[in-house]
Amino acid sequence: MDFASIRVITADVARLADFYERATGVDATWANEDFAEVRTPTATLAIGSTRTVALFAAGSAEPGANRSVIIEFEVGDVEGVHAKLAGAEVVQEPTTMPWGNRSLLVRDPDGNLVNFFRRARPAAPSPAL
């Protein structure tokens, strides 16, 4: 089994796709006006219109209702992403976490929590004595 993607349901696919394109620098691939994907080398974020929900199970997904999932992107420059997303709701400014990762927490236009982080750099080896 392979993990394929995370799908976010929204009432405005174009608005959400634009946010993730700006954040990642990756152009969305569009199947039609109701479905787009932002594909990175390691993961895919699918963005589906509310109209697609009925194809699975009517009423099973509601845009903007998530309060338990964090969408995460590993980036090389947390501050650079922060600058690209001027105007986005910032939950936590770029911060170095206790485990060493540099992290920026924002909400996308639908209110989903998104973490853009850079992994902790390995400590430099101690000089031999």
C-alpha atoms as a PDB file:
ATOM      1  CA  MET A   1       0.000   0.000   0.000  1.00  0.00           C
ATOM      2  CA  ASP A   2       1.204   3.526  -0.789  1.00  0.00           C
ATOM      3  CA  PHE A   3       0.043   6.734   0.821  1.00  0.00           C
ATOM      4  CA  ALA A   4      -1.355   8.744  -2.107  1.00  0.00           C
ATOM      5  CA  SER A   5      -2.470  12.152  -0.859  1.00  0.00           C
ATOM      6  CA  ILE A   6      -4.396  14.268   1.574  1.00  0.00           C
ATOM      7  CA  ARG A   7      -7.535  15.819   0.121  1.00  0.00           C
ATOM      8  CA  VAL A   8      -8.949  19.089   1.384  1.00  0.00           C
ATOM      9  CA  ILE A   9     -12.563  19.904   0.525  1.00  0.00           C
ATOM     10  CA  THR A  10     -13.329  23.559  -0.172  1.00  0.00           C
ATOM     11  CA  ALA A  11     -16.011  25.801  -1.586  1.00  0.00           C
ATOM     12  CA  ASP A  12     -13.314  27.649  -3.596  1.00  0.00           C
ATOM     13  CA  VAL A  13     -10.760  25.368  -5.257  1.00  0.00           C
ATOM     14  CA  ALA A  14      -9.026  28.216  -7.119  1.00  0.00           C
ATOM     15  CA  ARG A  15      -8.479  30.254  -3.931  1.00  0.00           C
ATOM     16  CA  LEU A  16      -7.037  27.299  -2.027  1.00  0.00           C
ATOM     17  CA  ALA A  17      -4.888  26.171  -4.975  1.00  0.00           C
ATOM     18  CA  ASP A  18      -3.484  29.714  -5.254  1.00  0.00           C
ATOM     19  CA  PHE A  19      -2.537  29.716  -1.552  1.00  0.00           C
ATOM     20  CA  TYR A  20      -0.664  26.406  -1.825  1.00  0.00           C
ATOM     21  CA  GLU A  21       0.984  27.404  -5.119  1.00  0.00           C
ATOM     22  CA  ARG A  22       2.330  30.581  -3.491  1.00  0.00           C
ATOM     23  CA  ALA A  23       3.465  28.692  -0.395  1.00  0.00           C
ATOM     24  CA  THR A  24       5.200  25.830  -2.193  1.00  0.00           C
ATOM     25  CA  GLY A  25       6.227  27.394  -5.499  1.00  0.00           C
ATOM     26  CA  VAL A  26       4.592  24.388  -7.202  1.00  0.00           C
ATOM     27  CA  ASP A  27       1.900  24.906  -9.856  1.00  0.00           C
ATOM     28  CA  ALA A  28      -1.314  23.010  -9.247  1.00  0.00           C
ATOM     29  CA  THR A  29      -2.327  20.355 -11.761  1.00  0.00           C
ATOM     30  CA  TRP A  30      -6.011  20.745 -12.629  1.00  0.00           C
ATOM     31  CA  ALA A  31      -8.292  17.847 -13.614  1.00  0.00           C
ATOM     32  CA  ASN A  32     -11.259  20.227 -13.914  1.00  0.00           C
ATOM     33  CA  GLU A  33     -12.700  23.204 -12.029  1.00  0.00           C
ATOM     34  CA  ASP A  34     -13.626  20.918  -9.115  1.00  0.00           C
ATOM     35  CA  PHE A  35     -10.272  19.215  -8.536  1.00  0.00           C
ATOM     36  CA  ALA A  36      -6.622  20.241  -8.420  1.00  0.00           C
ATOM     37  CA  GLU A  37      -3.459  18.719  -6.983  1.00  0.00           C
ATOM     38  CA  VAL A  38      -0.260  20.276  -5.694  1.00  0.00           C
ATOM     39  CA  ARG A  39       2.336  17.546  -6.184  1.00  0.00           C
ATOM     40  CA  THR A  40       5.729  17.713  -4.531  1.00  0.00           C
ATOM     41  CA  PRO A  41       8.388  15.030  -4.917  1.00  0.00           C
ATOM     42  CA  THR A  42       7.267  13.367  -1.668  1.00  0.00           C
ATOM     43  CA  ALA A  43       3.561  14.133  -1.222  1.00  0.00           C
ATOM     44  CA  THR A  44       0.397  15.319  -2.937  1.00  0.00           C
ATOM     45  CA  LEU A  45      -2.176  17.744  -1.614  1.00  0.00           C
ATOM     46  CA  ALA A  46      -5.471  17.216  -3.432  1.00  0.00           C
ATOM     47  CA  ILE A  47      -8.022  20.021  -3.391  1.00  0.00           C
ATOM     48  CA  GLY A  48     -11.622  19.064  -4.126  1.00  0.00           C
ATOM     49  CA  SER A  49     -14.754  21.138  -4.493  1.00  0.00           C
ATOM     50  CA  THR A  50     -17.710  20.643  -2.203  1.00  0.00           C
ATOM     51  CA  ARG A  51     -19.497  19.367  -5.322  1.00  0.00           C
ATOM     52  CA  THR A  52     -17.245  16.273  -5.273  1.00  0.00           C
ATOM     53  CA  VAL A  53     -18.357  15.203  -1.785  1.00  0.00           C
ATOM     54  CA  ALA A  54     -21.651  13.796  -3.056  1.00  0.00           C
ATOM     55  CA  LEU A  55     -19.682  11.448  -5.338  1.00  0.00           C
ATOM     56  CA  PHE A  56     -18.317   9.737  -2.202  1.00  0.00           C
ATOM     57  CA  ALA A  57     -21.044  10.187   0.392  1.00  0.00           C
ATOM     58  CA  ALA A  58     -23.227  13.277   0.598  1.00  0.00           C
ATOM     59  CA  GLY A  59     -22.461  15.367   3.685  1.00  0.00           C
ATOM     60  CA  SER A  60     -19.379  13.348   4.648  1.00  0.00           C
ATOM     61  CA  ALA A  61     -16.955  16.282   4.393  1.00  0.00           C
ATOM     62  CA  GLU A  62     -17.433  19.944   5.270  1.00  0.00           C
ATOM     63  CA  PRO A  63     -14.992  22.700   4.268  1.00  0.00           C
ATOM     64  CA  GLY A  64     -13.380  24.736   7.003  1.00  0.00           C
ATOM     65  CA  ALA A  65     -14.476  22.366   9.784  1.00  0.00           C
ATOM     66  CA  ASN A  66     -11.081  20.774  10.530  1.00  0.00           C
ATOM     67  CA  ARG A  67      -9.606  21.286  13.993  1.00  0.00           C
ATOM     68  CA  SER A  68      -7.590  18.083  14.346  1.00  0.00           C
ATOM     69  CA  VAL A  69      -5.241  17.788  11.350  1.00  0.00           C
ATOM     70  CA  ILE A  70      -2.119  19.802  10.555  1.00  0.00           C
ATOM     71  CA  ILE A  71      -0.963  19.826   6.932  1.00  0.00           C
ATOM     72  CA  GLU A  72       2.840  19.902   6.937  1.00  0.00           C
ATOM     73  CA  PHE A  73       5.421  20.917   4.361  1.00  0.00           C
ATOM     74  CA  GLU A  74       9.161  20.559   4.867  1.00  0.00           C
ATOM     75  CA  VAL A  75      10.833  23.641   3.406  1.00  0.00           C
ATOM     76  CA  GLY A  76      14.352  24.983   3.114  1.00  0.00           C
ATOM     77  CA  ASP A  77      13.519  28.557   4.158  1.00  0.00           C
ATOM     78  CA  VAL A  78      10.769  29.077   6.738  1.00  0.00           C
ATOM     79  CA  GLU A  79      11.169  32.852   6.702  1.00  0.00           C
ATOM     80  CA  GLY A  80      10.937  32.865   2.885  1.00  0.00           C
ATOM     81  CA  VAL A  81       7.589  31.046   3.026  1.00  0.00           C
ATOM     82  CA  HIS A  82       6.435  33.493   5.684  1.00  0.00           C
ATOM     83  CA  ALA A  83       7.215  36.385   3.323  1.00  0.00           C
ATOM     84  CA  LYS A  84       5.366  34.692   0.413  1.00  0.00           C
ATOM     85  CA  LEU A  85       2.256  34.329   2.556  1.00  0.00           C
ATOM     86  CA  ALA A  86       1.942  37.954   3.672  1.00  0.00           C
ATOM     87  CA  GLY A  87      -1.674  38.474   4.654  1.00  0.00           C
ATOM     88  CA  ALA A  88      -2.278  34.860   5.689  1.00  0.00           C
ATOM     89  CA  GLU A  89      -3.491  34.241   9.237  1.00  0.00           C
ATOM     90  CA  VAL A  90      -0.348  33.451  11.207  1.00  0.00           C
ATOM     91  CA  VAL A  91      -0.935  31.180  14.189  1.00  0.00           C
ATOM     92  CA  GLN A  92       2.748  31.084  15.186  1.00  0.00           C
ATOM     93  CA  GLU A  93       5.523  33.236  13.756  1.00  0.00           C
ATOM     94  CA  PRO A  94       8.691  31.405  12.680  1.00  0.00           C
ATOM     95  CA  THR A  95       9.913  29.713  15.850  1.00  0.00           C
ATOM     96  CA  THR A  96      12.596  27.198  16.725  1.00  0.00           C
ATOM     97  CA  MET A  97      10.824  24.323  18.430  1.00  0.00           C
ATOM     98  CA  PRO A  98      12.309  22.503  21.479  1.00  0.00           C
ATOM     99  CA  TRP A  99      13.336  19.583  19.220  1.00  0.00           C
ATOM    100  CA  GLY A 100      15.234  21.964  16.917  1.00  0.00           C
ATOM    101  CA  ASN A 101      12.882  22.308  13.936  1.00  0.00           C
ATOM    102  CA  ARG A 102      12.187  25.829  12.647  1.00  0.00           C
ATOM    103  CA  SER A 103       8.421  26.148  12.211  1.00  0.00           C
ATOM    104  CA  LEU A 104       5.797  28.565  10.840  1.00  0.00           C
ATOM    105  CA  LEU A 105       2.147  27.809  11.590  1.00  0.00           C
ATOM    106  CA  VAL A 106      -0.573  29.474   9.483  1.00  0.00           C
ATOM    107  CA  ARG A 107      -4.173  28.892   8.515  1.00  0.00           C
ATOM    108  CA  ASP A 108      -4.985  28.443   4.851  1.00  0.00           C
ATOM    109  CA  PRO A 109      -7.941  30.436   3.422  1.00  0.00           C
ATOM    110  CA  ASP A 110     -10.379  27.753   4.667  1.00  0.00           C
ATOM    111  CA  GLY A 111      -8.918  27.778   8.190  1.00  0.00           C
ATOM    112  CA  ASN A 112      -6.919  24.536   7.939  1.00  0.00           C
ATOM    113  CA  LEU A 113      -3.762  24.559  10.042  1.00  0.00           C
ATOM    114  CA  VAL A 114      -0.555  24.382   7.974  1.00  0.00           C
ATOM    115  CA  ASN A 115       2.978  23.924   9.323  1.00  0.00           C
ATOM    116  CA  PHE A 116       5.930  24.936   7.163  1.00  0.00           C
ATOM    117  CA  PHE A 117       9.060  23.618   8.846  1.00  0.00           C
ATOM    118  CA  ARG A 118      12.780  23.076   8.374  1.00  0.00           C
ATOM    119  CA  ARG A 119      14.222  20.069  10.165  1.00  0.00           C
ATOM    120  CA  ALA A 120      16.812  20.604  12.878  1.00  0.00           C
ATOM    121  CA  ARG A 121      20.309  20.636  11.538  1.00  0.00           C
ATOM    122  CA  PRO A 122      22.494  17.892  12.950  1.00  0.00           C
ATOM    123  CA  ALA A 123      24.885  19.118  15.619  1.00  0.00           C
ATOM    124  CA  ALA A 124      28.456  19.634  14.523  1.00  0.00           C
ATOM    125  CA  PRO A 125      30.711  16.814  15.634  1.00  0.00           C
ATOM    126  CA  SER A 126      32.746  17.550  18.740  1.00  0.00           C
ATOM    127  CA  PRO A 127      36.421  18.100  17.988  1.00  0.00           C
ATOM    128  CA  ALA A 128      38.631  15.192  18.969  1.00  0.00           C
ATOM    129  CA  LEU A 129      40.720  15.887  22.020  1.00  0.00           C
END
